[in-house]
Amino acid sequence: MRCPFRCTACGLEFEVSRPARESAADAACPTDGAAAERIFTVPSMNFNRPVSSTAAPPSSAFSHHGHSHGPGTGHHTH
């Protein structure tokens, strides 16, 4: 398992390869030896879908403030 870390002193980002059971273990910066913190990222959520070879058609609708409006919808204030 490759675990990403960031040095708390110099900011260097690096990866450490280790078994999954040791993924929570502390790490030290390879440059200055300072303590490093684990970087957590959001996993990819593609659900094994094939990549589309065609682009989505342009939309004439617009979205704002958490909701969308279709074509011909008048503007309003919030």
PDB file of N, CA and C in Angstrom:
ATOM      1  N   MET A   1       0.853  -1.169   0.000  1.00  0.00           N
ATOM      2  CA  MET A   1       0.000   0.000   0.000  1.00  0.00           C
ATOM      3  C   MET A   1       0.902   1.236   0.000  1.00  0.00           C
ATOM      4  N   ARG A   2       0.558   2.208  -0.852  1.00  0.00           N
ATOM      5  CA  ARG A   2       1.317   3.454  -0.920  1.00  0.00           C
ATOM      6  C   ARG A   2       0.551   4.503  -0.104  1.00  0.00           C
ATOM      7  N   CYS A   3       1.217   5.051   0.899  1.00  0.00           N
ATOM      8  CA  CYS A   3       0.600   6.016   1.805  1.00  0.00           C
ATOM      9  C   CYS A   3       1.240   7.388   1.601  1.00  0.00           C
ATOM     10  N   PRO A   4       0.447   8.398   1.230  1.00  0.00           N
ATOM     11  CA  PRO A   4       1.008   9.744   1.058  1.00  0.00           C
ATOM     12  C   PRO A   4       1.141  10.491   2.392  1.00  0.00           C
ATOM     13  N   PHE A   5       2.248  11.217   2.540  1.00  0.00           N
ATOM     14  CA  PHE A   5       2.527  12.002   3.746  1.00  0.00           C
ATOM     15  C   PHE A   5       3.000  13.392   3.354  1.00  0.00           C
ATOM     16  N   ARG A   6       2.902  14.353   4.314  1.00  0.00           N
ATOM     17  CA  ARG A   6       3.413  15.720   4.136  1.00  0.00           C
ATOM     18  C   ARG A   6       4.221  16.062   5.381  1.00  0.00           C
ATOM     19  N   CYS A   7       5.436  16.555   5.158  1.00  0.00           N
ATOM     20  CA  CYS A   7       6.310  16.958   6.259  1.00  0.00           C
ATOM     21  C   CYS A   7       5.722  18.179   6.961  1.00  0.00           C
ATOM     22  N   THR A   8       5.684  18.135   8.291  1.00  0.00           N
ATOM     23  CA  THR A   8       5.135  19.265   9.052  1.00  0.00           C
ATOM     24  C   THR A   8       6.102  20.438   9.133  1.00  0.00           C
ATOM     25  N   ALA A   9       7.393  20.215   8.806  1.00  0.00           N
ATOM     26  CA  ALA A   9       8.382  21.290   8.863  1.00  0.00           C
ATOM     27  C   ALA A   9       8.602  21.947   7.500  1.00  0.00           C
ATOM     28  N   CYS A  10       8.923  21.143   6.475  1.00  0.00           N
ATOM     29  CA  CYS A  10       9.272  21.731   5.170  1.00  0.00           C
ATOM     30  C   CYS A  10       8.156  21.632   4.125  1.00  0.00           C
ATOM     31  N   GLY A  11       7.095  20.856   4.415  1.00  0.00           N
ATOM     32  CA  GLY A  11       5.968  20.756   3.483  1.00  0.00           C
ATOM     33  C   GLY A  11       6.157  19.751   2.358  1.00  0.00           C
ATOM     34  N   LEU A  12       7.272  19.028   2.336  1.00  0.00           N
ATOM     35  CA  LEU A  12       7.523  18.040   1.300  1.00  0.00           C
ATOM     36  C   LEU A  12       6.442  16.963   1.333  1.00  0.00           C
ATOM     37  N   GLU A  13       5.884  16.630   0.168  1.00  0.00           N
ATOM     38  CA  GLU A  13       4.937  15.532   0.058  1.00  0.00           C
ATOM     39  C   GLU A  13       5.671  14.329  -0.505  1.00  0.00           C
ATOM     40  N   PHE A  14       5.491  13.175   0.131  1.00  0.00           N
ATOM     41  CA  PHE A  14       6.165  11.959  -0.289  1.00  0.00           C
ATOM     42  C   PHE A  14       5.282  10.757   0.025  1.00  0.00           C
ATOM     43  N   GLU A  15       5.608   9.617  -0.558  1.00  0.00           N
ATOM     44  CA  GLU A  15       4.861   8.397  -0.321  1.00  0.00           C
ATOM     45  C   GLU A  15       5.740   7.367   0.361  1.00  0.00           C
ATOM     46  N   VAL A  16       5.113   6.551   1.193  1.00  0.00           N
ATOM     47  CA  VAL A  16       5.791   5.457   1.869  1.00  0.00           C
ATOM     48  C   VAL A  16       5.056   4.180   1.494  1.00  0.00           C
ATOM     49  N   SER A  17       5.793   3.181   1.002  1.00  0.00           N
ATOM     50  CA  SER A  17       5.191   1.882   0.701  1.00  0.00           C
ATOM     51  C   SER A  17       5.285   1.015   1.942  1.00  0.00           C
ATOM     52  N   ARG A  18       4.131   0.483   2.349  1.00  0.00           N
ATOM     53  CA  ARG A  18       4.092  -0.364   3.540  1.00  0.00           C
ATOM     54  C   ARG A  18       2.867  -1.260   3.485  1.00  0.00           C
ATOM     55  N   PRO A  19       2.842  -2.329   4.269  1.00  0.00           N
ATOM     56  CA  PRO A  19       1.663  -3.193   4.307  1.00  0.00           C
ATOM     57  C   PRO A  19       0.451  -2.414   4.839  1.00  0.00           C
ATOM     58  N   ALA A  20      -0.730  -2.787   4.413  1.00  0.00           N
ATOM     59  CA  ALA A  20      -1.955  -2.097   4.826  1.00  0.00           C
ATOM     60  C   ALA A  20      -2.104  -2.074   6.344  1.00  0.00           C
ATOM     61  N   ARG A  21      -1.698  -3.128   7.021  1.00  0.00           N
ATOM     62  CA  ARG A  21      -1.844  -3.181   8.485  1.00  0.00           C
ATOM     63  C   ARG A  21      -0.973  -2.135   9.181  1.00  0.00           C
ATOM     64  N   GLU A  22       0.021  -1.564   8.474  1.00  0.00           N
ATOM     65  CA  GLU A  22       0.903  -0.548   9.035  1.00  0.00           C
ATOM     66  C   GLU A  22       0.621   0.847   8.469  1.00  0.00           C
ATOM     67  N   SER A  23      -0.499   1.010   7.784  1.00  0.00           N
ATOM     68  CA  SER A  23      -0.786   2.285   7.110  1.00  0.00           C
ATOM     69  C   SER A  23      -0.931   3.458   8.074  1.00  0.00           C
ATOM     70  N   ALA A  24      -1.290   3.203   9.329  1.00  0.00           N
ATOM     71  CA  ALA A  24      -1.466   4.286  10.303  1.00  0.00           C
ATOM     72  C   ALA A  24      -0.182   4.629  11.054  1.00  0.00           C
ATOM     73  N   ALA A  25       0.900   3.912  10.790  1.00  0.00           N
ATOM     74  CA  ALA A  25       2.163   4.156  11.502  1.00  0.00           C
ATOM     75  C   ALA A  25       2.736   5.529  11.153  1.00  0.00           C
ATOM     76  N   ASP A  26       3.470   6.108  12.098  1.00  0.00           N
ATOM     77  CA  ASP A  26       4.107   7.414  11.877  1.00  0.00           C
ATOM     78  C   ASP A  26       5.166   7.320  10.784  1.00  0.00           C
ATOM     79  N   ALA A  27       5.463   8.471  10.172  1.00  0.00           N
ATOM     80  CA  ALA A  27       6.515   8.550   9.161  1.00  0.00           C
ATOM     81  C   ALA A  27       7.335   9.800   9.405  1.00  0.00           C
ATOM     82  N   ALA A  28       8.585   9.764   8.971  1.00  0.00           N
ATOM     83  CA  ALA A  28       9.484  10.908   9.096  1.00  0.00           C
ATOM     84  C   ALA A  28       9.854  11.392   7.697  1.00  0.00           C
ATOM     85  N   CYS A  29      10.060  12.679   7.561  1.00  0.00           N
ATOM     86  CA  CYS A  29      10.441  13.283   6.277  1.00  0.00           C
ATOM     87  C   CYS A  29      11.795  12.736   5.838  1.00  0.00           C
ATOM     88  N   PRO A  30      11.909  12.302   4.570  1.00  0.00           N
ATOM     89  CA  PRO A  30      13.195  11.795   4.098  1.00  0.00           C
ATOM     90  C   PRO A  30      14.239  12.903   3.930  1.00  0.00           C
ATOM     91  N   THR A  31      13.820  14.170   3.903  1.00  0.00           N
ATOM     92  CA  THR A  31      14.744  15.278   3.720  1.00  0.00           C
ATOM     93  C   THR A  31      15.318  15.785   5.037  1.00  0.00           C
ATOM     94  N   ASP A  32      14.433  16.081   6.006  1.00  0.00           N
ATOM     95  CA  ASP A  32      14.916  16.685   7.250  1.00  0.00           C
ATOM     96  C   ASP A  32      14.620  15.861   8.505  1.00  0.00           C
ATOM     97  N   GLY A  33      13.933  14.722   8.361  1.00  0.00           N
ATOM     98  CA  GLY A  33      13.668  13.842   9.497  1.00  0.00           C
ATOM     99  C   GLY A  33      12.550  14.292  10.413  1.00  0.00           C
ATOM    100  N   ALA A  34      11.880  15.404  10.087  1.00  0.00           N
ATOM    101  CA  ALA A  34      10.780  15.903  10.914  1.00  0.00           C
ATOM    102  C   ALA A  34       9.564  14.982  10.788  1.00  0.00           C
ATOM    103  N   ALA A  35       8.661  15.109  11.731  1.00  0.00           N
ATOM    104  CA  ALA A  35       7.427  14.319  11.702  1.00  0.00           C
ATOM    105  C   ALA A  35       6.612  14.681  10.463  1.00  0.00           C
ATOM    106  N   ALA A  36       5.917  13.685   9.933  1.00  0.00           N
ATOM    107  CA  ALA A  36       5.075  13.896   8.756  1.00  0.00           C
ATOM    108  C   ALA A  36       3.648  13.478   9.092  1.00  0.00           C
ATOM    109  N   GLU A  37       2.684  14.142   8.464  1.00  0.00           N
ATOM    110  CA  GLU A  37       1.281  13.793   8.679  1.00  0.00           C
ATOM    111  C   GLU A  37       0.739  13.085   7.448  1.00  0.00           C
ATOM    112  N   ARG A  38      -0.134  12.141   7.657  1.00  0.00           N
ATOM    113  CA  ARG A  38      -0.729  11.373   6.568  1.00  0.00           C
ATOM    114  C   ARG A  38      -1.688  12.269   5.804  1.00  0.00           C
ATOM    115  N   ILE A  39      -1.666  12.183   4.491  1.00  0.00           N
ATOM    116  CA  ILE A  39      -2.579  12.926   3.621  1.00  0.00           C
ATOM    117  C   ILE A  39      -3.675  11.965   3.208  1.00  0.00           C
ATOM    118  N   PHE A  40      -4.914  12.338   3.446  1.00  0.00           N
ATOM    119  CA  PHE A  40      -6.047  11.513   3.047  1.00  0.00           C
ATOM    120  C   PHE A  40      -6.709  12.148   1.842  1.00  0.00           C
ATOM    121  N   THR A  41      -6.981  11.329   0.821  1.00  0.00           N
ATOM    122  CA  THR A  41      -7.614  11.815  -0.402  1.00  0.00           C
ATOM    123  C   THR A  41      -8.932  11.097  -0.628  1.00  0.00           C
ATOM    124  N   VAL A  42      -9.787  11.704  -1.415  1.00  0.00           N
ATOM    125  CA  VAL A  42     -11.069  11.107  -1.764  1.00  0.00           C
ATOM    126  C   VAL A  42     -10.837  10.089  -2.877  1.00  0.00           C
ATOM    127  N   PRO A  43     -11.337   8.876  -2.702  1.00  0.00           N
ATOM    128  CA  PRO A  43     -11.130   7.876  -3.751  1.00  0.00           C
ATOM    129  C   PRO A  43     -11.910   8.213  -5.010  1.00  0.00           C
ATOM    130  N   SER A  44     -11.422   7.719  -6.127  1.00  0.00           N
ATOM    131  CA  SER A  44     -12.098   7.908  -7.404  1.00  0.00           C
ATOM    132  C   SER A  44     -13.432   7.172  -7.380  1.00  0.00           C
ATOM    133  N   MET A  45     -14.459   7.782  -7.908  1.00  0.00           N
ATOM    134  CA  MET A  45     -15.802   7.192  -7.865  1.00  0.00           C
ATOM    135  C   MET A  45     -16.341   6.935  -9.265  1.00  0.00           C
ATOM    136  N   ASN A  46     -15.615   6.212 -10.098  1.00  0.00           N
ATOM    137  CA  ASN A  46     -16.087   5.996 -11.464  1.00  0.00           C
ATOM    138  C   ASN A  46     -16.948   4.755 -11.592  1.00  0.00           C
ATOM    139  N   PHE A  47     -17.030   3.917 -10.580  1.00  0.00           N
ATOM    140  CA  PHE A  47     -17.865   2.722 -10.566  1.00  0.00           C
ATOM    141  C   PHE A  47     -17.664   1.846 -11.799  1.00  0.00           C
ATOM    142  N   ASN A  48     -16.439   1.807 -12.314  1.00  0.00           N
ATOM    143  CA  ASN A  48     -16.081   0.969 -13.461  1.00  0.00           C
ATOM    144  C   ASN A  48     -16.869   1.296 -14.730  1.00  0.00           C
ATOM    145  N   ARG A  49     -17.309   2.518 -14.852  1.00  0.00           N
ATOM    146  CA  ARG A  49     -18.021   2.941 -16.063  1.00  0.00           C
ATOM    147  C   ARG A  49     -17.010   3.246 -17.152  1.00  0.00           C
ATOM    148  N   PRO A  50     -17.333   2.876 -18.400  1.00  0.00           N
ATOM    149  CA  PRO A  50     -16.415   3.226 -19.487  1.00  0.00           C
ATOM    150  C   PRO A  50     -16.396   4.729 -19.709  1.00  0.00           C
ATOM    151  N   VAL A  51     -15.271   5.221 -20.155  1.00  0.00           N
ATOM    152  CA  VAL A  51     -15.130   6.639 -20.448  1.00  0.00           C
ATOM    153  C   VAL A  51     -15.937   6.956 -21.705  1.00  0.00           C
ATOM    154  N   SER A  52     -16.714   8.004 -21.663  1.00  0.00           N
ATOM    155  CA  SER A  52     -17.530   8.397 -22.809  1.00  0.00           C
ATOM    156  C   SER A  52     -16.634   8.980 -23.893  1.00  0.00           C
ATOM    157  N   SER A  53     -16.869   8.544 -25.135  1.00  0.00           N
ATOM    158  CA  SER A  53     -16.073   9.075 -26.239  1.00  0.00           C
ATOM    159  C   SER A  53     -16.737  10.286 -26.875  1.00  0.00           C
ATOM    160  N   THR A  54     -17.961  10.599 -26.457  1.00  0.00           N
ATOM    161  CA  THR A  54     -18.648  11.773 -26.996  1.00  0.00           C
ATOM    162  C   THR A  54     -18.864  12.783 -25.885  1.00  0.00           C
ATOM    163  N   ALA A  55     -18.714  14.017 -26.215  1.00  0.00           N
ATOM    164  CA  ALA A  55     -18.918  15.085 -25.237  1.00  0.00           C
ATOM    165  C   ALA A  55     -20.407  15.317 -25.039  1.00  0.00           C
ATOM    166  N   ALA A  56     -20.767  15.753 -23.860  1.00  0.00           N
ATOM    167  CA  ALA A  56     -22.166  16.086 -23.583  1.00  0.00           C
ATOM    168  C   ALA A  56     -22.552  17.314 -24.393  1.00  0.00           C
ATOM    169  N   PRO A  57     -23.787  17.366 -24.879  1.00  0.00           N
ATOM    170  CA  PRO A  57     -24.199  18.536 -25.659  1.00  0.00           C
ATOM    171  C   PRO A  57     -24.252  19.770 -24.765  1.00  0.00           C
ATOM    172  N   PRO A  58     -23.981  20.938 -25.325  1.00  0.00           N
ATOM    173  CA  PRO A  58     -24.038  22.147 -24.514  1.00  0.00           C
ATOM    174  C   PRO A  58     -25.460  22.394 -24.024  1.00  0.00           C
ATOM    175  N   SER A  59     -25.571  22.900 -22.839  1.00  0.00           N
ATOM    176  CA  SER A  59     -26.878  23.144 -22.243  1.00  0.00           C
ATOM    177  C   SER A  59     -27.224  24.627 -22.341  1.00  0.00           C
ATOM    178  N   SER A  60     -28.493  24.900 -22.560  1.00  0.00           N
ATOM    179  CA  SER A  60     -28.930  26.293 -22.561  1.00  0.00           C
ATOM    180  C   SER A  60     -29.484  26.668 -21.200  1.00  0.00           C
ATOM    181  N   ALA A  61     -29.450  25.726 -20.257  1.00  0.00           N
ATOM    182  CA  ALA A  61     -29.913  25.991 -18.898  1.00  0.00           C
ATOM    183  C   ALA A  61     -28.754  26.557 -18.078  1.00  0.00           C
ATOM    184  N   PHE A  62     -29.072  27.077 -16.894  1.00  0.00           N
ATOM    185  CA  PHE A  62     -28.030  27.551 -16.003  1.00  0.00           C
ATOM    186  C   PHE A  62     -28.337  27.124 -14.587  1.00  0.00           C
ATOM    187  N   SER A  63     -27.303  27.086 -13.757  1.00  0.00           N
ATOM    188  CA  SER A  63     -27.444  26.629 -12.389  1.00  0.00           C
ATOM    189  C   SER A  63     -26.810  27.641 -11.451  1.00  0.00           C
ATOM    190  N   HIS A  64     -27.450  27.864 -10.317  1.00  0.00           N
ATOM    191  CA  HIS A  64     -26.906  28.756  -9.304  1.00  0.00           C
ATOM    192  C   HIS A  64     -27.600  28.491  -7.979  1.00  0.00           C
ATOM    193  N   HIS A  65     -26.979  28.846  -6.897  1.00  0.00           N
ATOM    194  CA  HIS A  65     -27.530  28.708  -5.545  1.00  0.00           C
ATOM    195  C   HIS A  65     -28.124  27.328  -5.283  1.00  0.00           C
ATOM    196  N   GLY A  66     -27.507  26.278  -5.838  1.00  0.00           N
ATOM    197  CA  GLY A  66     -27.935  24.931  -5.531  1.00  0.00           C
ATOM    198  C   GLY A  66     -29.108  24.398  -6.318  1.00  0.00           C
ATOM    199  N   HIS A  67     -29.582  25.140  -7.317  1.00  0.00           N
ATOM    200  CA  HIS A  67     -30.642  24.601  -8.156  1.00  0.00           C
ATOM    201  C   HIS A  67     -30.466  25.060  -9.589  1.00  0.00           C
ATOM    202  N   SER A  68     -31.205  24.438 -10.516  1.00  0.00           N
ATOM    203  CA  SER A  68     -31.038  24.716 -11.938  1.00  0.00           C
ATOM    204  C   SER A  68     -32.297  25.299 -12.547  1.00  0.00           C
ATOM    205  N   HIS A  69     -32.121  25.941 -13.694  1.00  0.00           N
ATOM    206  CA  HIS A  69     -33.218  26.499 -14.472  1.00  0.00           C
ATOM    207  C   HIS A  69     -33.097  25.993 -15.891  1.00  0.00           C
ATOM    208  N   GLY A  70     -34.199  25.629 -16.472  1.00  0.00           N
ATOM    209  CA  GLY A  70     -34.190  25.172 -17.851  1.00  0.00           C
ATOM    210  C   GLY A  70     -34.257  26.331 -18.815  1.00  0.00           C
ATOM    211  N   PRO A  71     -34.216  26.038 -20.108  1.00  0.00           N
ATOM    212  CA  PRO A  71     -34.296  27.085 -21.129  1.00  0.00           C
ATOM    213  C   PRO A  71     -35.607  27.864 -20.997  1.00  0.00           C
ATOM    214  N   GLY A  72     -35.533  29.146 -21.169  1.00  0.00           N
ATOM    215  CA  GLY A  72     -36.727  29.985 -21.137  1.00  0.00           C
ATOM    216  C   GLY A  72     -37.213  30.363 -19.753  1.00  0.00           C
ATOM    217  N   THR A  73     -36.548  29.915 -18.713  1.00  0.00           N
ATOM    218  CA  THR A  73     -36.942  30.241 -17.358  1.00  0.00           C
ATOM    219  C   THR A  73     -36.435  31.630 -17.018  1.00  0.00           C
ATOM    220  N   GLY A  74     -37.296  32.436 -16.455  1.00  0.00           N
ATOM    221  CA  GLY A  74     -36.898  33.800 -16.110  1.00  0.00           C
ATOM    222  C   GLY A  74     -35.982  33.862 -14.902  1.00  0.00           C
ATOM    223  N   HIS A  75     -35.243  34.946 -14.788  1.00  0.00           N
ATOM    224  CA  HIS A  75     -34.340  35.153 -13.667  1.00  0.00           C
ATOM    225  C   HIS A  75     -35.140  35.566 -12.435  1.00  0.00           C
ATOM    226  N   HIS A  76     -34.564  35.311 -11.281  1.00  0.00           N
ATOM    227  CA  HIS A  76     -35.181  35.728 -10.021  1.00  0.00           C
ATOM    228  C   HIS A  76     -34.086  35.983  -8.993  1.00  0.00           C
ATOM    229  N   THR A  77     -34.444  36.565  -7.879  1.00  0.00           N
ATOM    230  CA  THR A  77     -33.465  36.836  -6.827  1.00  0.00           C
ATOM    231  C   THR A  77     -33.683  35.888  -5.663  1.00  0.00           C
ATOM    232  N   HIS A  78     -32.653  35.761  -4.860  1.00  0.00           N
ATOM    233  CA  HIS A  78     -32.730  34.893  -3.675  1.00  0.00           C
ATOM    234  C   HIS A  78     -32.576  35.720  -2.440  1.00  0.00           C
TER     235      HIS A  78
END
